[in-house]
Amino acid sequence: MKLTCAIIDDEPLAISLLESYVNKTPFLELAGKYNSAVNALPELNKQPVDLLFLDIQMPELSGMEFSRMLEGNTRVIFTTAFEQYALDSYKVNALDYLLKPISYPDFLKSANKALQWYELLNSNEAGKDAPQTVPPSIKSIFVKTEYKLVQIELCKILYIEGLKDYIKIFVEDEPRPVLSLMSMKSMEEMLPTDHFIRVHRSFIVQPEKIKVIERNRIVFGKEYIPISDNYKQKFMGFLGQRSLLP
């Protein structure tokens, strides 16, 4: 698989370095390089790329501002000399963040993350018409994460959180959630409806795992899952204990 990419940076040396990295990465194809976001905007709106290496601090239009104006499925990897921008980069759903001076190993790691994202996207698109609902007899599901399929026992799932392009599956006794490129709708269709229920546009829970409900929030350890008004009535009916929620 080949990804088209573009570079936007107001420093010529930074552009040259990134261009050299792109040229020696087999799955990347450079479609354009720009010394300002203003110059790049009309070109990239006319001919979008898969991946954008985008500097944050630039005159006229910053990388953060530019990323909010992008159309289509272009994924962004921010490049900057200022570490304090790391948190902001994830707020605009950046795929990754590279701190200057950028080494080729770090660049390649980020580029591979982009490749993985598009491979998952394509595999999900190819299988979207296939029936997804898990039969009642099925005790586990396989979820694609990174470069492998991971088997998850349904009985161990605590809850699922939906992000913009990904879901996080929180599993009992696992220190980190399983991250997968999948929509909440697709995940909801995979799960048996007698064991899982949606309580918020961003959360699906397994009621059997619930121990505490507090002020319209489900408590899982230190995490609080909101119960939205749109799902509250259905959730209460599912529990069969309306007195639990005011």
C-alpha atoms as a PDB file:
ATOM      1  CA  MET A   1       0.000   0.000   0.000  1.00  0.00           C
ATOM      2  CA  LYS A   2       1.272   3.475  -0.898  1.00  0.00           C
ATOM      3  CA  LEU A   3       0.332   6.672   0.965  1.00  0.00           C
ATOM      4  CA  THR A   4       0.476  10.096  -0.651  1.00  0.00           C
ATOM      5  CA  CYS A   5       1.845  12.769   1.645  1.00  0.00           C
ATOM      6  CA  ALA A   6       2.688  16.452   1.825  1.00  0.00           C
ATOM      7  CA  ILE A   7       5.003  18.571   3.958  1.00  0.00           C
ATOM      8  CA  ILE A   8       4.199  22.035   5.319  1.00  0.00           C
ATOM      9  CA  ASP A   9       6.944  23.896   7.177  1.00  0.00           C
ATOM     10  CA  ASP A  10       8.262  27.456   7.052  1.00  0.00           C
ATOM     11  CA  GLU A  11      11.860  26.237   7.539  1.00  0.00           C
ATOM     12  CA  PRO A  12      13.568  25.099   4.289  1.00  0.00           C
ATOM     13  CA  LEU A  13      15.967  22.804   6.177  1.00  0.00           C
ATOM     14  CA  ALA A  14      13.069  21.068   7.909  1.00  0.00           C
ATOM     15  CA  ILE A  15      11.349  20.522   4.546  1.00  0.00           C
ATOM     16  CA  SER A  16      14.555  19.082   3.061  1.00  0.00           C
ATOM     17  CA  LEU A  17      15.021  16.693   5.975  1.00  0.00           C
ATOM     18  CA  LEU A  18      11.447  15.432   5.869  1.00  0.00           C
ATOM     19  CA  GLU A  19      11.601  15.110   2.092  1.00  0.00           C
ATOM     20  CA  SER A  20      14.700  12.904   2.399  1.00  0.00           C
ATOM     21  CA  TYR A  21      12.872  10.739   4.965  1.00  0.00           C
ATOM     22  CA  VAL A  22       9.838  10.411   2.699  1.00  0.00           C
ATOM     23  CA  ASN A  23      12.011   9.459  -0.285  1.00  0.00           C
ATOM     24  CA  LYS A  24      13.608   6.546   1.566  1.00  0.00           C
ATOM     25  CA  THR A  25      10.328   5.229   2.990  1.00  0.00           C
ATOM     26  CA  PRO A  26       8.940   2.761   0.400  1.00  0.00           C
ATOM     27  CA  PHE A  27       5.245   3.196   1.214  1.00  0.00           C
ATOM     28  CA  LEU A  28       5.290   7.025   1.099  1.00  0.00           C
ATOM     29  CA  GLU A  29       4.942   9.148  -2.026  1.00  0.00           C
ATOM     30  CA  LEU A  30       5.548  12.898  -1.796  1.00  0.00           C
ATOM     31  CA  ALA A  31       2.749  14.816  -3.512  1.00  0.00           C
ATOM     32  CA  GLY A  32       3.722  18.325  -2.426  1.00  0.00           C
ATOM     33  CA  LYS A  33       5.813  20.534  -0.151  1.00  0.00           C
ATOM     34  CA  TYR A  34       4.862  24.024   1.012  1.00  0.00           C
ATOM     35  CA  ASN A  35       6.530  26.768   3.027  1.00  0.00           C
ATOM     36  CA  SER A  36       3.250  28.069   4.435  1.00  0.00           C
ATOM     37  CA  ALA A  37      -0.175  26.746   5.331  1.00  0.00           C
ATOM     38  CA  VAL A  38      -1.806  29.559   3.368  1.00  0.00           C
ATOM     39  CA  ASN A  39      -0.128  28.394   0.152  1.00  0.00           C
ATOM     40  CA  ALA A  40      -0.950  24.770   0.850  1.00  0.00           C
ATOM     41  CA  LEU A  41      -4.642  25.128   1.679  1.00  0.00           C
ATOM     42  CA  PRO A  42      -6.117  25.558  -1.833  1.00  0.00           C
ATOM     43  CA  GLU A  43      -3.862  22.851  -3.255  1.00  0.00           C
ATOM     44  CA  LEU A  44      -4.677  20.275  -0.596  1.00  0.00           C
ATOM     45  CA  ASN A  45      -8.392  21.024  -0.699  1.00  0.00           C
ATOM     46  CA  LYS A  46      -8.280  20.495  -4.471  1.00  0.00           C
ATOM     47  CA  GLN A  47      -6.080  17.383  -4.293  1.00  0.00           C
ATOM     48  CA  PRO A  48      -6.125  15.878  -0.752  1.00  0.00           C
ATOM     49  CA  VAL A  49      -3.326  13.615   0.438  1.00  0.00           C
ATOM     50  CA  ASP A  50      -3.427  10.666   2.797  1.00  0.00           C
ATOM     51  CA  LEU A  51      -0.864  12.039   5.222  1.00  0.00           C
ATOM     52  CA  LEU A  52       0.351  15.509   6.135  1.00  0.00           C
ATOM     53  CA  PHE A  53       3.562  16.355   7.993  1.00  0.00           C
ATOM     54  CA  LEU A  54       2.570  19.707   9.450  1.00  0.00           C
ATOM     55  CA  ASP A  55       4.622  22.238  11.420  1.00  0.00           C
ATOM     56  CA  ILE A  56       2.694  23.903  14.236  1.00  0.00           C
ATOM     57  CA  GLN A  57       4.340  27.307  14.613  1.00  0.00           C
ATOM     58  CA  MET A  58       4.025  29.175  11.316  1.00  0.00           C
ATOM     59  CA  PRO A  59       3.191  32.790  10.416  1.00  0.00           C
ATOM     60  CA  GLU A  60      -0.281  33.786   9.165  1.00  0.00           C
ATOM     61  CA  LEU A  61      -1.883  30.394   9.753  1.00  0.00           C
ATOM     62  CA  SER A  62      -0.655  27.960  12.421  1.00  0.00           C
ATOM     63  CA  GLY A  63      -0.588  24.221  11.977  1.00  0.00           C
ATOM     64  CA  MET A  64      -3.336  23.823  14.596  1.00  0.00           C
ATOM     65  CA  GLU A  65      -5.606  26.255  12.756  1.00  0.00           C
ATOM     66  CA  PHE A  66      -4.812  24.638   9.424  1.00  0.00           C
ATOM     67  CA  SER A  67      -5.594  21.115  10.681  1.00  0.00           C
ATOM     68  CA  ARG A  68      -9.143  22.212  11.563  1.00  0.00           C
ATOM     69  CA  MET A  69      -9.701  23.398   7.991  1.00  0.00           C
ATOM     70  CA  LEU A  70      -8.695  20.175   6.271  1.00  0.00           C
ATOM     71  CA  GLU A  71     -11.318  18.268   4.331  1.00  0.00           C
ATOM     72  CA  GLY A  72     -11.575  14.537   3.688  1.00  0.00           C
ATOM     73  CA  ASN A  73      -9.635  11.790   5.440  1.00  0.00           C
ATOM     74  CA  THR A  74      -6.187  13.374   5.518  1.00  0.00           C
ATOM     75  CA  ARG A  75      -4.362  12.356   8.693  1.00  0.00           C
ATOM     76  CA  VAL A  76      -1.941  14.776  10.342  1.00  0.00           C
ATOM     77  CA  ILE A  77       1.428  14.198  11.970  1.00  0.00           C
ATOM     78  CA  PHE A  78       2.542  17.409  13.661  1.00  0.00           C
ATOM     79  CA  THR A  79       6.202  18.444  13.622  1.00  0.00           C
ATOM     80  CA  THR A  80       7.437  21.084  16.037  1.00  0.00           C
ATOM     81  CA  ALA A  81      10.363  22.151  18.178  1.00  0.00           C
ATOM     82  CA  PHE A  82       8.079  22.897  21.127  1.00  0.00           C
ATOM     83  CA  GLU A  83       7.066  19.998  23.366  1.00  0.00           C
ATOM     84  CA  GLN A  84       4.290  21.993  25.037  1.00  0.00           C
ATOM     85  CA  TYR A  85       2.163  21.582  21.911  1.00  0.00           C
ATOM     86  CA  ALA A  86       1.918  17.816  22.333  1.00  0.00           C
ATOM     87  CA  LEU A  87      -1.368  17.859  24.247  1.00  0.00           C
ATOM     88  CA  ASP A  88      -2.964  20.357  21.845  1.00  0.00           C
ATOM     89  CA  SER A  89      -2.046  18.161  18.890  1.00  0.00           C
ATOM     90  CA  TYR A  90      -4.137  15.292  20.220  1.00  0.00           C
ATOM     91  CA  LYS A  91      -7.073  17.590  20.875  1.00  0.00           C
ATOM     92  CA  VAL A  92      -7.391  18.096  17.114  1.00  0.00           C
ATOM     93  CA  ASN A  93      -7.164  14.332  16.548  1.00  0.00           C
ATOM     94  CA  ALA A  94      -3.631  14.291  15.177  1.00  0.00           C
ATOM     95  CA  LEU A  95      -2.310  10.858  14.333  1.00  0.00           C
ATOM     96  CA  ASP A  96       1.061  11.565  15.945  1.00  0.00           C
ATOM     97  CA  TYR A  97       3.470  14.238  17.133  1.00  0.00           C
ATOM     98  CA  LEU A  98       7.161  14.510  16.202  1.00  0.00           C
ATOM     99  CA  LEU A  99       9.531  16.683  18.179  1.00  0.00           C
ATOM    100  CA  LYS A 100      12.339  18.414  16.284  1.00  0.00           C
ATOM    101  CA  PRO A 101      15.114  17.560  15.605  1.00  0.00           C
ATOM    102  CA  ILE A 102      13.383  14.544  14.061  1.00  0.00           C
ATOM    103  CA  SER A 103      15.313  11.304  13.666  1.00  0.00           C
ATOM    104  CA  TYR A 104      14.489   8.842  10.907  1.00  0.00           C
ATOM    105  CA  PRO A 105      13.501   6.046  13.376  1.00  0.00           C
ATOM    106  CA  ASP A 106      10.939   8.376  14.987  1.00  0.00           C
ATOM    107  CA  PHE A 107       9.708   9.482  11.564  1.00  0.00           C
ATOM    108  CA  LEU A 108       9.364   5.876  10.406  1.00  0.00           C
ATOM    109  CA  LYS A 109       7.468   4.903  13.548  1.00  0.00           C
ATOM    110  CA  SER A 110       4.914   7.671  12.917  1.00  0.00           C
ATOM    111  CA  ALA A 111       4.664   6.844   9.221  1.00  0.00           C
ATOM    112  CA  ASN A 112       4.020   3.195  10.088  1.00  0.00           C
ATOM    113  CA  LYS A 113       1.239   4.290  12.395  1.00  0.00           C
ATOM    114  CA  ALA A 114      -0.366   6.089   9.439  1.00  0.00           C
ATOM    115  CA  LEU A 115       0.063   3.021   7.234  1.00  0.00           C
ATOM    116  CA  GLN A 116      -1.586   0.873   9.893  1.00  0.00           C
ATOM    117  CA  TRP A 117      -4.489   3.313  10.158  1.00  0.00           C
ATOM    118  CA  TYR A 118      -5.190   3.156   6.410  1.00  0.00           C
ATOM    119  CA  GLU A 119      -4.800  -0.625   6.291  1.00  0.00           C
ATOM    120  CA  LEU A 120      -7.379  -0.939   9.044  1.00  0.00           C
ATOM    121  CA  LEU A 121      -9.640   1.548   7.291  1.00  0.00           C
ATOM    122  CA  ASN A 122      -9.485  -0.405   4.048  1.00  0.00           C
ATOM    123  CA  SER A 123     -10.086  -3.755   5.730  1.00  0.00           C
ATOM    124  CA  ASN A 124     -13.088  -2.353   7.591  1.00  0.00           C
ATOM    125  CA  GLU A 125     -14.489  -0.847   4.390  1.00  0.00           C
ATOM    126  CA  ALA A 126     -14.055  -4.158   2.568  1.00  0.00           C
ATOM    127  CA  GLY A 127     -15.966  -6.036   5.238  1.00  0.00           C
ATOM    128  CA  LYS A 128     -18.632  -3.505   6.106  1.00  0.00           C
ATOM    129  CA  ASP A 129     -21.361  -5.328   4.147  1.00  0.00           C
ATOM    130  CA  ALA A 130     -20.741  -8.655   5.861  1.00  0.00           C
ATOM    131  CA  PRO A 131     -23.025  -9.585   8.777  1.00  0.00           C
ATOM    132  CA  GLN A 132     -21.347  -8.536  12.004  1.00  0.00           C
ATOM    133  CA  THR A 133     -23.662  -9.533  14.841  1.00  0.00           C
ATOM    134  CA  VAL A 134     -22.117 -12.103  17.151  1.00  0.00           C
ATOM    135  CA  PRO A 135     -24.319 -15.189  17.647  1.00  0.00           C
ATOM    136  CA  PRO A 136     -25.378 -15.848  21.264  1.00  0.00           C
ATOM    137  CA  SER A 137     -23.160 -18.934  21.413  1.00  0.00           C
ATOM    138  CA  ILE A 138     -20.004 -16.928  20.668  1.00  0.00           C
ATOM    139  CA  LYS A 139     -17.965 -16.222  23.799  1.00  0.00           C
ATOM    140  CA  SER A 140     -15.308 -13.974  22.284  1.00  0.00           C
ATOM    141  CA  ILE A 141     -14.592 -11.628  19.403  1.00  0.00           C
ATOM    142  CA  PHE A 142     -11.502 -10.912  17.330  1.00  0.00           C
ATOM    143  CA  VAL A 143     -10.492  -7.271  17.021  1.00  0.00           C
ATOM    144  CA  LYS A 144      -7.825  -5.926  14.699  1.00  0.00           C
ATOM    145  CA  THR A 145      -5.282  -3.808  16.541  1.00  0.00           C
ATOM    146  CA  GLU A 146      -1.838  -2.713  15.348  1.00  0.00           C
ATOM    147  CA  TYR A 147      -0.730  -5.472  12.940  1.00  0.00           C
ATOM    148  CA  LYS A 148      -2.565  -8.373  14.525  1.00  0.00           C
ATOM    149  CA  LEU A 149      -5.932  -9.817  15.485  1.00  0.00           C
ATOM    150  CA  VAL A 150      -6.560 -10.008  19.216  1.00  0.00           C
ATOM    151  CA  GLN A 151      -9.146 -12.307  20.762  1.00  0.00           C
ATOM    152  CA  ILE A 152     -11.195 -10.706  23.549  1.00  0.00           C
ATOM    153  CA  GLU A 153     -13.504 -12.684  25.802  1.00  0.00           C
ATOM    154  CA  LEU A 154     -16.894 -10.961  25.930  1.00  0.00           C
ATOM    155  CA  CYS A 155     -17.298 -11.748  29.615  1.00  0.00           C
ATOM    156  CA  LYS A 156     -14.173  -9.689  30.416  1.00  0.00           C
ATOM    157  CA  ILE A 157     -15.176  -6.479  28.629  1.00  0.00           C
ATOM    158  CA  LEU A 158     -15.998  -3.695  31.105  1.00  0.00           C
ATOM    159  CA  TYR A 159     -16.873  -0.927  28.675  1.00  0.00           C
ATOM    160  CA  ILE A 160     -16.050   0.510  25.266  1.00  0.00           C
ATOM    161  CA  GLU A 161     -15.234   4.144  24.530  1.00  0.00           C
ATOM    162  CA  GLY A 162     -15.657   5.640  21.080  1.00  0.00           C
ATOM    163  CA  LEU A 163     -13.271   8.268  19.765  1.00  0.00           C
ATOM    164  CA  LYS A 164     -13.439   9.963  16.366  1.00  0.00           C
ATOM    165  CA  ASP A 165     -11.886   7.147  14.340  1.00  0.00           C
ATOM    166  CA  TYR A 166     -11.091   4.563  16.972  1.00  0.00           C
ATOM    167  CA  ILE A 167     -12.645   2.630  19.816  1.00  0.00           C
ATOM    168  CA  LYS A 168     -11.023   1.719  23.121  1.00  0.00           C
ATOM    169  CA  ILE A 169     -12.047  -1.609  24.624  1.00  0.00           C
ATOM    170  CA  PHE A 170     -11.448  -1.743  28.376  1.00  0.00           C
ATOM    171  CA  VAL A 171     -10.897  -5.316  29.504  1.00  0.00           C
ATOM    172  CA  GLU A 172     -10.793  -6.751  33.025  1.00  0.00           C
ATOM    173  CA  ASP A 173      -7.290  -7.237  34.443  1.00  0.00           C
ATOM    174  CA  GLU A 174      -5.661  -5.506  31.470  1.00  0.00           C
ATOM    175  CA  PRO A 175      -3.560  -2.387  32.238  1.00  0.00           C
ATOM    176  CA  ARG A 176      -4.288  -0.728  28.882  1.00  0.00           C
ATOM    177  CA  PRO A 177      -7.339  -0.699  26.610  1.00  0.00           C
ATOM    178  CA  VAL A 178      -7.341  -2.419  23.229  1.00  0.00           C
ATOM    179  CA  LEU A 179      -7.309   0.233  20.513  1.00  0.00           C
ATOM    180  CA  SER A 180      -8.969  -0.538  17.173  1.00  0.00           C
ATOM    181  CA  LEU A 181     -10.022   1.392  14.098  1.00  0.00           C
ATOM    182  CA  MET A 182     -13.762   0.799  14.171  1.00  0.00           C
ATOM    183  CA  SER A 183     -16.915   2.878  14.593  1.00  0.00           C
ATOM    184  CA  MET A 184     -19.083   2.617  17.693  1.00  0.00           C
ATOM    185  CA  LYS A 185     -21.974   1.559  15.490  1.00  0.00           C
ATOM    186  CA  SER A 186     -19.981  -1.369  14.077  1.00  0.00           C
ATOM    187  CA  MET A 187     -18.875  -2.377  17.561  1.00  0.00           C
ATOM    188  CA  GLU A 188     -22.413  -2.176  18.896  1.00  0.00           C
ATOM    189  CA  GLU A 189     -23.643  -4.429  16.083  1.00  0.00           C
ATOM    190  CA  MET A 190     -21.002  -7.021  16.927  1.00  0.00           C
ATOM    191  CA  LEU A 191     -22.004  -7.352  20.577  1.00  0.00           C
ATOM    192  CA  PRO A 192     -24.868  -9.480  21.916  1.00  0.00           C
ATOM    193  CA  THR A 193     -27.687  -7.108  22.885  1.00  0.00           C
ATOM    194  CA  ASP A 194     -28.594  -9.130  25.968  1.00  0.00           C
ATOM    195  CA  HIS A 195     -25.196  -8.418  27.538  1.00  0.00           C
ATOM    196  CA  PHE A 196     -24.183  -4.965  26.312  1.00  0.00           C
ATOM    197  CA  ILE A 197     -25.974  -1.642  26.129  1.00  0.00           C
ATOM    198  CA  ARG A 198     -25.105   1.845  24.940  1.00  0.00           C
ATOM    199  CA  VAL A 199     -25.402   4.506  27.640  1.00  0.00           C
ATOM    200  CA  HIS A 200     -23.907   7.448  25.766  1.00  0.00           C
ATOM    201  CA  ARG A 201     -22.952   8.204  22.168  1.00  0.00           C
ATOM    202  CA  SER A 202     -19.348   7.507  23.216  1.00  0.00           C
ATOM    203  CA  PHE A 203     -19.829   4.580  25.611  1.00  0.00           C
ATOM    204  CA  ILE A 204     -21.101   0.983  25.593  1.00  0.00           C
ATOM    205  CA  VAL A 205     -21.099  -0.920  28.890  1.00  0.00           C
ATOM    206  CA  GLN A 206     -21.616  -4.459  30.122  1.00  0.00           C
ATOM    207  CA  PRO A 207     -24.188  -4.049  32.922  1.00  0.00           C
ATOM    208  CA  GLU A 208     -23.097  -7.258  34.657  1.00  0.00           C
ATOM    209  CA  LYS A 209     -19.806  -5.535  35.438  1.00  0.00           C
ATOM    210  CA  ILE A 210     -21.419  -2.471  37.024  1.00  0.00           C
ATOM    211  CA  LYS A 211     -20.987  -2.188  40.776  1.00  0.00           C
ATOM    212  CA  VAL A 212     -21.763   1.480  41.387  1.00  0.00           C
ATOM    213  CA  ILE A 213     -23.999   4.071  39.699  1.00  0.00           C
ATOM    214  CA  GLU A 214     -23.626   7.582  41.051  1.00  0.00           C
ATOM    215  CA  ARG A 215     -25.441  10.715  39.862  1.00  0.00           C
ATOM    216  CA  ASN A 216     -26.135   9.458  36.365  1.00  0.00           C
ATOM    217  CA  ARG A 217     -22.616   8.096  36.074  1.00  0.00           C
ATOM    218  CA  ILE A 218     -21.384   4.518  36.063  1.00  0.00           C
ATOM    219  CA  VAL A 219     -18.282   4.038  38.180  1.00  0.00           C
ATOM    220  CA  PHE A 220     -15.525   1.712  37.021  1.00  0.00           C
ATOM    221  CA  GLY A 221     -12.717   2.156  39.537  1.00  0.00           C
ATOM    222  CA  LYS A 222     -11.483   5.719  39.015  1.00  0.00           C
ATOM    223  CA  GLU A 223     -13.350   6.154  35.731  1.00  0.00           C
ATOM    224  CA  TYR A 224     -16.827   7.680  35.437  1.00  0.00           C
ATOM    225  CA  ILE A 225     -19.021   6.791  32.460  1.00  0.00           C
ATOM    226  CA  PRO A 226     -21.811   9.336  31.815  1.00  0.00           C
ATOM    227  CA  ILE A 227     -25.379   8.140  31.185  1.00  0.00           C
ATOM    228  CA  SER A 228     -26.873  10.551  28.666  1.00  0.00           C
ATOM    229  CA  ASP A 229     -30.554  11.516  28.599  1.00  0.00           C
ATOM    230  CA  ASN A 230     -30.947   9.911  25.162  1.00  0.00           C
ATOM    231  CA  TYR A 231     -30.052   6.463  26.526  1.00  0.00           C
ATOM    232  CA  LYS A 232     -31.141   6.761  30.153  1.00  0.00           C
ATOM    233  CA  GLN A 233     -34.658   5.318  29.834  1.00  0.00           C
ATOM    234  CA  LYS A 234     -33.507   2.310  27.819  1.00  0.00           C
ATOM    235  CA  PHE A 235     -30.685   1.700  30.273  1.00  0.00           C
ATOM    236  CA  MET A 236     -33.004   1.831  33.278  1.00  0.00           C
ATOM    237  CA  GLY A 237     -35.341  -0.578  31.569  1.00  0.00           C
ATOM    238  CA  PHE A 238     -32.432  -2.880  30.835  1.00  0.00           C
ATOM    239  CA  LEU A 239     -31.440  -2.916  34.487  1.00  0.00           C
ATOM    240  CA  GLY A 240     -35.050  -3.365  35.599  1.00  0.00           C
ATOM    241  CA  GLN A 241     -34.277  -1.228  38.664  1.00  0.00           C
ATOM    242  CA  ARG A 242     -35.513   2.297  38.037  1.00  0.00           C
ATOM    243  CA  SER A 243     -34.794   3.255  41.641  1.00  0.00           C
ATOM    244  CA  LEU A 244     -31.069   3.152  40.867  1.00  0.00           C
ATOM    245  CA  LEU A 245     -31.279   6.301  38.768  1.00  0.00           C
ATOM    246  CA  PRO A 246     -33.080   9.465  39.908  1.00  0.00           C
END
